[in-house]
Structure formats: C-alpha cells, structure tokens
Amino acid sequence: MKKKEKELKHKEKKEEQAKKINKDVKDEEKLSEELEKLKEANAELRDTLLRKVAEFENYKRRTENEQANLLKYSGEHIITGLLPFIDDFERSLKHIKDAKNVNAVYDGLKLVFDKLMKNLNEQGISKIEAVGKPFDVNYHEAIMQRKEESAEPNTVLDEIETGYVYKDRVIRHSKVIVSEDITEETVAENNSTKTKNEEKEN
C-alpha cells in the first residue's frame, strides 16, 4: 500500500514538474515573441527616425540655399527696374552728339530722370528736402557755413549732394551749406550721428 502511495506521489510530482516545464517553455516562447515584436517595432522606429532626420537635413539644406539665393539676388528686382532707364540713357547719349538743339537734349534727359525718380519713389526711395529747411543732423551733413543776412541761423542754404531716405531710414545724408552760425555742439552732434549711422550700415 505504501509503495503504491509512494509511486502515486512520485507520478504526481513528475506531472507537476512537467506542467511547470511546459509553462516555462510557453512563457519563454511568449517572451521570445514579444521580444521579436519589440525588435521589429524598434527597427521601424529607427527607420522612421532616420527618414525624418534625412528629411530635416534636406529641408535645412534647401532652406539655407533658398536664403542664400534670396540674399545673393535680393537686389535683382531693383536692377531689373533700372534697365529701362539705362536703355533710355543709351539712346539719349547716341543722339546728344548729333543734337543741335540743347533744349531738346535737356528735355530728353529730364524726362528720363523724372521717370527714374518716379520708379525709385514707388520702391520707397525719396529725396530729402533740404534747401530752406532748418538744419537737422538726422538728415543733413553740414560741409560748409556761409553768412546770409536774409536767412535764419542754421538754415540750409544750398545742397551739394542730395540725400535719400529708404522708407523710414536715411541711406544718405544731404551734404549742405548752412547759414551761420552752426554751434560747435551742433557740428559735434552732426559728426557723432553720422558716425553712428555709418556703423549701423556696416
């Protein structure tokens, strides 16, 4: 009787061990499957990441090229806009040497000049009004002073070189002759402002 019980217990023990081994095998297979799935998902993510990195690098390179071209050719539309005036000047110059009527030559050149100034105005470039205006260091550069009884002190009497404004920025100060007396302080301020503007442009 004891022998049978012992055999039965031994058999049950073996069956339990077999079940445990079976369970362990199944668990291991399940883990292997999950590991494979994780490996596949990881590979897909890696491929996606590499594609995105490559796409970003291409986008970055393309953007840099576009920006470089924008800077390189930023003045193209202005140059293209100037070409008709160059053509007009060339035609005028061809006719000047044979022209007998000086007034006709002047009128032709004046027409081209007015056309050019109109185009520049459309681009946001305008002349600085100087003569007869109070001297202003923001717009004028005094290169000389002159006595003028009929003018108030520090009034612009004459313009040696025209100044220009692009939109709201002075791109060149008017070089002017001013009625005396420009104070030393005004001259110093003028020079200081000019230096600052030149530094900004550089």
Protein backbone atom coordinates (compact mmCIF):
# COMPACT_ATOMS: atom_id res chain seq x y z
CA MET A 1 0.00 0.00 0.00
CA LYS A 2 2.75 2.37 0.97
CA LYS A 3 4.58 1.51 -2.20
CA LYS A 4 1.57 2.44 -4.34
CA GLU A 5 1.12 5.72 -2.48
CA LYS A 6 4.76 6.48 -2.97
CA GLU A 7 4.54 5.72 -6.69
CA LEU A 8 1.41 7.84 -6.98
CA LYS A 9 3.06 10.78 -5.25
CA HIS A 10 6.12 10.36 -7.44
CA LYS A 11 3.90 10.33 -10.52
CA GLU A 12 2.03 13.45 -9.38
CA LYS A 13 5.31 15.18 -8.69
CA LYS A 14 6.57 14.35 -12.17
CA GLU A 15 3.34 15.60 -13.71
CA GLU A 16 3.64 18.85 -11.77
CA GLN A 17 7.25 19.23 -12.90
CA ALA A 18 6.20 18.52 -16.49
CA LYS A 19 3.41 21.13 -16.22
CA LYS A 20 5.87 23.63 -14.78
CA ILE A 21 8.37 22.92 -17.56
CA ASN A 22 5.56 23.26 -20.09
CA LYS A 23 4.51 26.57 -18.56
CA ASP A 24 8.10 27.81 -18.51
CA VAL A 25 8.52 26.83 -22.16
CA LYS A 26 5.30 28.60 -23.11
CA ASP A 27 6.32 31.68 -21.11
CA GLU A 28 9.70 31.65 -22.80
CA GLU A 29 8.08 31.34 -26.23
CA LYS A 30 5.73 34.19 -25.38
CA LEU A 31 8.64 36.33 -24.21
CA SER A 32 10.55 35.48 -27.39
CA GLU A 33 7.56 36.52 -29.49
CA GLU A 34 7.20 39.77 -27.55
CA LEU A 35 10.93 40.39 -27.89
CA GLU A 36 10.73 39.87 -31.65
CA LYS A 37 7.78 42.26 -31.84
CA LEU A 38 9.73 44.83 -29.83
CA LYS A 39 12.75 44.36 -32.11
CA GLU A 40 10.55 44.88 -35.17
CA ALA A 41 8.91 47.95 -33.62
CA ASN A 42 12.34 49.30 -32.68
CA ALA A 43 13.62 48.73 -36.22
CA GLU A 44 10.57 50.52 -37.65
CA LEU A 45 11.04 53.43 -35.26
CA ARG A 46 14.73 53.60 -36.14
CA ASP A 47 13.92 53.65 -39.87
CA THR A 48 11.28 56.33 -39.31
CA LEU A 49 13.71 58.39 -37.25
CA LEU A 50 16.44 58.07 -39.89
CA ARG A 51 13.97 59.11 -42.60
CA LYS A 52 12.83 62.10 -40.56
CA VAL A 53 16.45 63.12 -39.87
CA ALA A 54 17.24 62.83 -43.59
CA GLU A 55 14.10 64.83 -44.48
CA PHE A 56 15.03 67.51 -41.94
CA GLU A 57 18.59 67.72 -43.26
CA ASN A 58 17.25 68.07 -46.81
CA TYR A 59 14.78 70.73 -45.66
CA LYS A 60 17.53 72.57 -43.77
CA ARG A 61 19.87 72.43 -46.77
CA ARG A 62 17.10 73.57 -49.11
CA THR A 63 16.14 76.43 -46.77
CA GLU A 64 19.77 77.53 -46.44
CA ASN A 65 20.15 77.50 -50.23
CA GLU A 66 16.94 79.50 -50.64
CA GLN A 67 18.07 82.05 -48.05
CA ALA A 68 21.50 82.31 -49.67
CA ASN A 69 19.85 82.88 -53.06
CA LEU A 70 17.48 85.45 -51.57
CA LEU A 71 20.45 87.38 -50.18
CA LYS A 72 22.50 86.91 -53.32
CA TYR A 73 19.76 88.10 -55.66
CA SER A 74 17.89 90.43 -53.26
CA GLY A 75 18.58 93.45 -55.46
CA GLU A 76 17.57 91.72 -58.69
CA HIS A 77 14.14 93.39 -58.98
CA ILE A 78 15.73 96.82 -58.42
CA ILE A 79 18.37 96.16 -61.09
CA THR A 80 15.71 94.87 -63.48
CA GLY A 81 13.69 98.01 -62.80
CA LEU A 82 16.71 100.19 -63.66
CA LEU A 83 17.39 98.55 -67.03
CA PRO A 84 14.76 100.57 -68.95
CA PHE A 85 16.38 103.79 -67.69
CA ILE A 86 19.80 102.58 -68.80
CA ASP A 87 18.27 101.91 -72.23
CA ASP A 88 16.81 105.43 -72.27
CA PHE A 89 20.16 106.97 -71.31
CA GLU A 90 21.95 104.97 -74.00
CA ARG A 91 19.51 106.20 -76.63
CA SER A 92 19.87 109.77 -75.36
CA LEU A 93 23.67 109.61 -75.44
CA LYS A 94 23.60 108.37 -79.05
CA HIS A 95 21.55 111.38 -80.08
CA ILE A 96 23.36 114.01 -77.99
CA LYS A 97 26.47 114.16 -80.17
CA ASP A 98 24.37 114.92 -83.25
CA ALA A 99 21.88 117.17 -81.48
CA LYS A 100 21.75 120.82 -82.48
CA ASN A 101 19.02 121.82 -80.06
CA VAL A 102 20.36 121.88 -76.48
CA ASN A 103 16.87 122.35 -75.06
CA ALA A 104 15.66 119.17 -76.74
CA VAL A 105 18.61 117.26 -75.22
CA TYR A 106 17.83 118.70 -71.80
CA ASP A 107 14.15 117.84 -72.11
CA GLY A 108 15.01 114.27 -73.12
CA LEU A 109 17.37 113.75 -70.20
CA LYS A 110 14.92 115.42 -67.80
CA LEU A 111 12.22 113.01 -68.96
CA VAL A 112 14.48 110.01 -68.26
CA PHE A 113 15.47 111.43 -64.87
CA ASP A 114 11.86 112.07 -63.84
CA LYS A 115 10.92 108.56 -64.93
CA LEU A 116 13.77 107.14 -62.83
CA MET A 117 12.80 109.16 -59.76
CA LYS A 118 9.18 108.03 -60.09
CA ASN A 119 10.34 104.41 -60.15
CA LEU A 120 12.53 104.95 -57.08
CA ASN A 121 9.61 106.59 -55.25
CA GLU A 122 7.50 103.53 -55.99
CA GLN A 123 10.25 101.43 -54.37
CA GLY A 124 10.09 103.60 -51.23
CA ILE A 125 13.12 105.78 -52.01
CA SER A 126 12.63 109.53 -51.73
CA LYS A 127 14.76 112.68 -51.73
CA ILE A 128 15.45 114.54 -48.52
CA GLU A 129 14.13 118.08 -48.76
CA ALA A 130 16.99 120.30 -47.65
CA VAL A 131 17.18 123.83 -49.10
CA GLY A 132 15.33 126.36 -46.96
CA LYS A 133 14.78 123.84 -44.17
CA PRO A 134 16.25 124.15 -40.65
CA PHE A 135 19.49 122.20 -40.35
CA ASP A 136 18.75 118.72 -38.93
CA VAL A 137 21.57 116.32 -38.06
CA ASN A 138 19.24 113.39 -38.71
CA TYR A 139 19.01 114.30 -42.40
CA HIS A 140 21.76 116.79 -43.22
CA GLU A 141 25.55 116.83 -43.13
CA ALA A 142 26.97 120.35 -42.94
CA ILE A 143 30.12 120.67 -45.04
CA MET A 144 30.32 124.46 -45.01
CA GLN A 145 28.73 127.53 -43.44
CA ARG A 146 28.06 130.87 -45.05
CA LYS A 147 26.85 134.28 -43.99
CA GLU A 148 23.39 135.01 -45.30
CA GLU A 149 21.62 138.04 -43.89
CA SER A 150 18.24 137.06 -45.29
CA ALA A 151 18.31 133.58 -43.71
CA GLU A 152 17.83 132.46 -40.14
CA PRO A 153 20.90 130.90 -38.48
CA ASN A 154 21.24 127.15 -39.09
CA THR A 155 19.12 127.22 -42.25
CA VAL A 156 20.15 125.08 -45.22
CA LEU A 157 21.18 127.50 -47.99
CA ASP A 158 22.35 125.11 -50.65
CA GLU A 159 22.64 121.39 -51.32
CA ILE A 160 25.91 119.98 -52.66
CA GLU A 161 24.77 116.35 -52.73
CA THR A 162 21.20 115.11 -52.46
CA GLY A 163 20.30 112.87 -49.54
CA TYR A 164 17.88 109.96 -49.73
CA VAL A 165 15.52 108.08 -47.43
CA TYR A 166 14.55 104.45 -47.98
CA LYS A 167 11.13 104.02 -46.34
CA ASP A 168 11.86 105.43 -42.87
CA ARG A 169 15.65 105.05 -42.92
CA VAL A 170 18.20 107.61 -44.08
CA ILE A 171 20.50 105.89 -46.57
CA ARG A 172 22.48 109.03 -47.39
CA HIS A 173 22.56 112.39 -45.63
CA SER A 174 22.24 115.55 -47.71
CA LYS A 175 25.57 117.39 -47.93
CA VAL A 176 24.63 121.01 -47.36
CA ILE A 177 25.81 124.58 -46.88
CA VAL A 178 24.25 126.15 -43.80
CA SER A 179 23.76 129.76 -42.78
CA GLU A 180 25.96 130.63 -39.86
CA ASP A 181 26.15 130.16 -37.08
CA ILE A 182 26.28 126.41 -36.56
CA THR A 183 27.35 125.98 -32.98
CA GLU A 184 30.27 123.72 -32.18
CA GLU A 185 27.84 121.49 -30.30
CA THR A 186 25.67 121.08 -33.43
CA VAL A 187 28.69 120.21 -35.58
CA ALA A 188 29.88 117.67 -32.99
CA GLU A 189 26.38 116.16 -32.82
CA ASN A 190 26.27 116.00 -36.61
CA ASN A 191 29.58 114.14 -36.78
CA SER A 192 28.53 111.79 -33.96
CA THR A 193 25.20 110.97 -35.65
CA LYS A 194 26.92 110.38 -38.97
CA THR A 195 29.45 108.01 -37.35
CA LYS A 196 26.64 106.05 -35.64
CA ASN A 197 24.70 105.74 -38.90
CA GLU A 198 27.80 104.54 -40.74
CA GLU A 199 28.43 101.94 -38.03
CA LYS A 200 24.83 100.70 -38.35
CA GLU A 201 25.19 100.39 -42.12
CA ASN A 202 28.42 98.38 -41.69
